[in-house]
Amino acid sequence: KIVEELEPTFVERYGLIKRCQVPKVEHGLAQCDVDKNIKPNTRCRVVCNAGYIATPGKDVTDCKEDGDWTVQMQCEVPLVVVGGGEISESSGDSSLEVIDFEERKPCK
């Protein structure tokens, strides 16, 4: 707590720059432009483990001036969309089936 209280003074007097820690990503990892001393405006991208994809809008983040990130990156299990069967001139099935392996809330 003492360091947190002194931090603004050190930033103002000595021009110290807050740095970000490499983001932690469940079911993946962050790949940043630099490995150490992550300064503001440094960009990181998510690399998801096999079987996961990056959540749209949560695949890239930037280090902010306050030492935090613009977005909490995230990986998720993808939805699988299965198209209908054979379609011919006289018959066919044009239905779709969505398979959700995580049993999220139903789509509306």
C-alpha atoms as a PDB file:
ATOM      1  CA  LYS A   1       0.000   0.000   0.000  1.00  0.00           C
ATOM      2  CA  ILE A   2       2.874   2.391   0.752  1.00  0.00           C
ATOM      3  CA  VAL A   3       4.286   1.917  -2.754  1.00  0.00           C
ATOM      4  CA  GLU A   4       0.856   2.669  -4.266  1.00  0.00           C
ATOM      5  CA  GLU A   5       0.715   5.922  -2.318  1.00  0.00           C
ATOM      6  CA  LEU A   6       4.251   6.939  -3.357  1.00  0.00           C
ATOM      7  CA  GLU A   7       3.854   5.967  -7.003  1.00  0.00           C
ATOM      8  CA  PRO A   8       2.357   9.286  -8.253  1.00  0.00           C
ATOM      9  CA  THR A   9       5.257  11.158  -6.633  1.00  0.00           C
ATOM     10  CA  PHE A  10       7.857   8.951  -8.332  1.00  0.00           C
ATOM     11  CA  VAL A  11       6.101   9.327 -11.693  1.00  0.00           C
ATOM     12  CA  GLU A  12       5.930  13.114 -11.358  1.00  0.00           C
ATOM     13  CA  ARG A  13       9.398  13.775  -9.890  1.00  0.00           C
ATOM     14  CA  TYR A  14      11.479  11.194 -11.683  1.00  0.00           C
ATOM     15  CA  GLY A  15       9.496  10.617 -14.886  1.00  0.00           C
ATOM     16  CA  LEU A  16       8.981   6.945 -14.158  1.00  0.00           C
ATOM     17  CA  ILE A  17       6.761   5.146 -16.640  1.00  0.00           C
ATOM     18  CA  LYS A  18       4.200   2.603 -15.525  1.00  0.00           C
ATOM     19  CA  ARG A  19       4.630  -0.673 -17.301  1.00  0.00           C
ATOM     20  CA  CYS A  20       2.159  -3.439 -17.991  1.00  0.00           C
ATOM     21  CA  GLN A  21       2.548  -7.073 -16.996  1.00  0.00           C
ATOM     22  CA  VAL A  22       2.140  -9.683 -19.734  1.00  0.00           C
ATOM     23  CA  PRO A  23      -1.605 -10.404 -19.812  1.00  0.00           C
ATOM     24  CA  LYS A  24      -2.811 -13.781 -18.591  1.00  0.00           C
ATOM     25  CA  VAL A  25      -5.268 -15.524 -20.906  1.00  0.00           C
ATOM     26  CA  GLU A  26      -7.299 -18.564 -19.904  1.00  0.00           C
ATOM     27  CA  HIS A  27      -6.913 -21.307 -22.563  1.00  0.00           C
ATOM     28  CA  GLY A  28      -4.203 -19.339 -24.382  1.00  0.00           C
ATOM     29  CA  LEU A  29      -1.313 -16.926 -24.105  1.00  0.00           C
ATOM     30  CA  ALA A  30      -0.466 -13.355 -24.987  1.00  0.00           C
ATOM     31  CA  GLN A  31       2.047 -12.617 -27.723  1.00  0.00           C
ATOM     32  CA  CYS A  32       3.334  -9.064 -27.295  1.00  0.00           C
ATOM     33  CA  ASP A  33       5.474  -6.791 -29.464  1.00  0.00           C
ATOM     34  CA  VAL A  34       8.137  -6.992 -26.707  1.00  0.00           C
ATOM     35  CA  ASP A  35       8.790  -9.651 -24.062  1.00  0.00           C
ATOM     36  CA  LYS A  36       9.924  -7.438 -21.171  1.00  0.00           C
ATOM     37  CA  ASN A  37       9.422  -3.859 -19.988  1.00  0.00           C
ATOM     38  CA  ILE A  38       6.046  -3.495 -21.655  1.00  0.00           C
ATOM     39  CA  LYS A  39       5.611   0.258 -22.068  1.00  0.00           C
ATOM     40  CA  PRO A  40       2.357   2.119 -22.807  1.00  0.00           C
ATOM     41  CA  ASN A  41       1.044   1.663 -26.368  1.00  0.00           C
ATOM     42  CA  THR A  42       2.634  -1.790 -26.676  1.00  0.00           C
ATOM     43  CA  ARG A  43       0.254  -4.213 -28.386  1.00  0.00           C
ATOM     44  CA  CYS A  44      -0.421  -7.846 -27.497  1.00  0.00           C
ATOM     45  CA  ARG A  45      -2.392 -10.455 -29.415  1.00  0.00           C
ATOM     46  CA  VAL A  46      -3.967 -13.637 -28.091  1.00  0.00           C
ATOM     47  CA  VAL A  47      -2.827 -17.083 -29.221  1.00  0.00           C
ATOM     48  CA  CYS A  48      -5.421 -19.656 -28.179  1.00  0.00           C
ATOM     49  CA  ASN A  49      -4.778 -23.290 -27.291  1.00  0.00           C
ATOM     50  CA  ALA A  50      -5.916 -26.030 -29.671  1.00  0.00           C
ATOM     51  CA  GLY A  51      -9.707 -26.336 -29.654  1.00  0.00           C
ATOM     52  CA  TYR A  52     -10.246 -22.661 -28.747  1.00  0.00           C
ATOM     53  CA  ILE A  53     -10.621 -19.479 -30.770  1.00  0.00           C
ATOM     54  CA  ALA A  54     -10.165 -15.834 -29.861  1.00  0.00           C
ATOM     55  CA  THR A  55     -13.366 -14.166 -28.709  1.00  0.00           C
ATOM     56  CA  PRO A  56     -14.280 -11.499 -31.290  1.00  0.00           C
ATOM     57  CA  GLY A  57     -13.256  -8.064 -30.023  1.00  0.00           C
ATOM     58  CA  LYS A  58     -11.065  -9.615 -27.317  1.00  0.00           C
ATOM     59  CA  ASP A  59      -8.152 -10.759 -29.454  1.00  0.00           C
ATOM     60  CA  VAL A  60      -5.911  -7.660 -29.238  1.00  0.00           C
ATOM     61  CA  THR A  61      -5.059  -5.308 -26.374  1.00  0.00           C
ATOM     62  CA  ASP A  62      -2.829  -2.276 -25.820  1.00  0.00           C
ATOM     63  CA  CYS A  63      -0.907  -1.234 -22.719  1.00  0.00           C
ATOM     64  CA  LYS A  64      -2.396   1.983 -21.292  1.00  0.00           C
ATOM     65  CA  GLU A  65      -0.545   4.826 -19.538  1.00  0.00           C
ATOM     66  CA  ASP A  66      -1.854   3.630 -16.159  1.00  0.00           C
ATOM     67  CA  GLY A  67      -0.217   0.195 -16.534  1.00  0.00           C
ATOM     68  CA  ASP A  68      -3.471  -1.608 -17.310  1.00  0.00           C
ATOM     69  CA  TRP A  69      -4.735  -3.113 -20.588  1.00  0.00           C
ATOM     70  CA  THR A  70      -7.433  -1.767 -22.916  1.00  0.00           C
ATOM     71  CA  VAL A  71      -9.120  -5.181 -23.258  1.00  0.00           C
ATOM     72  CA  GLN A  72      -9.092  -8.398 -21.239  1.00  0.00           C
ATOM     73  CA  MET A  73      -8.223 -10.928 -23.954  1.00  0.00           C
ATOM     74  CA  GLN A  74     -10.201 -14.148 -24.057  1.00  0.00           C
ATOM     75  CA  CYS A  75     -10.320 -17.550 -25.782  1.00  0.00           C
ATOM     76  CA  GLU A  76     -13.495 -19.603 -26.095  1.00  0.00           C
ATOM     77  CA  VAL A  77     -14.739 -22.902 -27.459  1.00  0.00           C
ATOM     78  CA  PRO A  78     -16.216 -22.170 -30.896  1.00  0.00           C
ATOM     79  CA  LEU A  79     -19.782 -22.915 -31.869  1.00  0.00           C
ATOM     80  CA  VAL A  80     -20.008 -25.542 -34.572  1.00  0.00           C
ATOM     81  CA  VAL A  81     -22.566 -24.968 -37.333  1.00  0.00           C
ATOM     82  CA  VAL A  82     -23.617 -28.030 -39.305  1.00  0.00           C
ATOM     83  CA  GLY A  83     -25.431 -27.482 -42.601  1.00  0.00           C
ATOM     84  CA  GLY A  84     -28.290 -29.598 -43.946  1.00  0.00           C
ATOM     85  CA  GLY A  85     -28.003 -32.709 -46.047  1.00  0.00           C
ATOM     86  CA  GLU A  86     -28.290 -33.327 -49.755  1.00  0.00           C
ATOM     87  CA  ILE A  87     -30.289 -30.821 -51.755  1.00  0.00           C
ATOM     88  CA  SER A  88     -31.676 -31.904 -55.108  1.00  0.00           C
ATOM     89  CA  GLU A  89     -34.356 -30.591 -57.461  1.00  0.00           C
ATOM     90  CA  SER A  90     -37.120 -32.582 -55.786  1.00  0.00           C
ATOM     91  CA  SER A  91     -36.083 -32.702 -52.124  1.00  0.00           C
ATOM     92  CA  GLY A  92     -33.530 -31.614 -49.651  1.00  0.00           C
ATOM     93  CA  ASP A  93     -32.741 -30.349 -46.202  1.00  0.00           C
ATOM     94  CA  SER A  94     -31.564 -26.771 -45.861  1.00  0.00           C
ATOM     95  CA  SER A  95     -31.682 -26.717 -42.045  1.00  0.00           C
ATOM     96  CA  LEU A  96     -28.817 -25.724 -39.780  1.00  0.00           C
ATOM     97  CA  GLU A  97     -27.791 -27.176 -36.447  1.00  0.00           C
ATOM     98  CA  VAL A  98     -25.655 -25.285 -33.954  1.00  0.00           C
ATOM     99  CA  ILE A  99     -23.591 -27.375 -31.549  1.00  0.00           C
ATOM    100  CA  ASP A 100     -22.343 -25.684 -28.395  1.00  0.00           C
ATOM    101  CA  PHE A 101     -19.835 -27.718 -26.399  1.00  0.00           C
ATOM    102  CA  GLU A 102     -19.931 -25.288 -23.460  1.00  0.00           C
ATOM    103  CA  GLU A 103     -23.731 -25.263 -23.089  1.00  0.00           C
ATOM    104  CA  ARG A 104     -24.006 -21.475 -23.065  1.00  0.00           C
ATOM    105  CA  LYS A 105     -27.295 -19.626 -22.975  1.00  0.00           C
ATOM    106  CA  PRO A 106     -29.468 -20.352 -26.036  1.00  0.00           C
ATOM    107  CA  CYS A 107     -29.292 -18.071 -29.054  1.00  0.00           C
ATOM    108  CA  LYS A 108     -32.339 -15.927 -29.738  1.00  0.00           C
END
